[in-house]
Amino acid sequence: MELQKGSKIEVYRKSEDEAWEAYMDEFIGCHGFITDPDTTINDPDALIEVSLENKGTHRLPQDCLRLID
């Protein structure tokens, strides 16, 4: 999965990453888009910045995200 700035995403599950916080559970099922994929780091474990509809902008682990059309 290649996450690029502007890609539409869904938070589809709880992350296995240690950076996942309990408050993030309310983001499951939310849609949004990538605002900063950290492509310069190119680290699949890095948190990426996403803007979620009605939830603001957050840094989330990649394993909880999937691309949508």
Protein backbone atom coordinates (compact mmCIF):
# COMPACT_ATOMS: atom_id res chain seq x y z
CA MET A 1 0.00 0.00 0.00
CA GLU A 2 1.50 3.31 -1.06
CA LEU A 3 0.26 6.20 1.00
CA GLN A 4 0.67 9.55 -0.70
CA LYS A 5 -0.35 13.06 0.24
CA GLY A 6 -4.02 13.47 -0.63
CA SER A 7 -4.79 9.72 -0.68
CA LYS A 8 -8.25 8.95 0.72
CA ILE A 9 -8.12 6.57 3.67
CA GLU A 10 -10.28 4.79 6.21
CA VAL A 11 -9.25 3.89 9.74
CA TYR A 12 -10.51 0.33 9.53
CA ARG A 13 -9.15 -1.33 12.65
CA LYS A 14 -7.25 -0.85 15.88
CA SER A 15 -3.50 -0.71 15.35
CA GLU A 16 -1.06 -3.23 16.78
CA ASP A 17 1.48 -0.40 17.12
CA GLU A 18 2.48 0.71 20.61
CA ALA A 19 1.69 4.30 19.58
CA TRP A 20 -2.05 3.46 19.49
CA GLU A 21 -3.88 5.20 22.34
CA ALA A 22 -7.29 4.25 23.76
CA TYR A 23 -8.86 7.52 22.56
CA MET A 24 -8.02 6.47 18.97
CA ASP A 25 -10.63 3.70 19.16
CA GLU A 26 -13.24 6.35 18.30
CA PHE A 27 -11.47 6.88 14.94
CA ILE A 28 -12.27 3.35 13.71
CA GLY A 29 -14.59 3.65 10.72
CA CYS A 30 -13.65 7.29 10.04
CA HIS A 31 -12.63 8.50 6.59
CA GLY A 32 -10.14 11.18 5.72
CA PHE A 33 -7.00 11.83 3.71
CA ILE A 34 -3.23 11.77 4.09
CA THR A 35 -1.74 15.18 4.85
CA ASP A 36 1.88 14.11 5.50
CA PRO A 37 2.97 10.58 4.56
CA ASP A 38 6.61 11.11 5.72
CA THR A 39 7.87 9.82 2.37
CA THR A 40 11.29 11.28 3.12
CA ILE A 41 11.59 8.85 6.02
CA ASN A 42 10.17 5.94 4.00
CA ASP A 43 9.61 3.94 7.18
CA PRO A 44 6.56 1.65 7.09
CA ASP A 45 6.43 1.77 10.89
CA ALA A 46 6.40 5.57 11.08
CA LEU A 47 3.29 7.43 12.14
CA ILE A 48 1.68 9.41 9.36
CA GLU A 49 -0.44 12.52 9.54
CA VAL A 50 -4.05 12.19 8.47
CA SER A 51 -6.98 14.57 8.49
CA LEU A 52 -10.15 12.77 9.57
CA GLU A 53 -13.66 14.02 8.82
CA ASN A 54 -15.03 15.81 11.89
CA LYS A 55 -12.11 14.58 14.04
CA GLY A 56 -9.23 16.90 13.07
CA THR A 57 -5.66 16.04 12.13
CA HIS A 58 -3.78 13.23 13.89
CA ARG A 59 -0.65 11.11 13.55
CA LEU A 60 -1.63 7.45 13.26
CA PRO A 61 0.17 4.15 12.68
CA GLN A 62 -0.06 2.88 9.11
CA ASP A 63 -1.36 -0.60 9.96
CA CYS A 64 -4.79 0.77 10.92
CA LEU A 65 -5.30 2.54 7.58
CA ARG A 66 -6.48 1.40 4.18
CA LEU A 67 -6.87 3.26 0.93
CA ILE A 68 -10.38 3.94 -0.37
CA ASP A 69 -11.67 5.30 -3.68
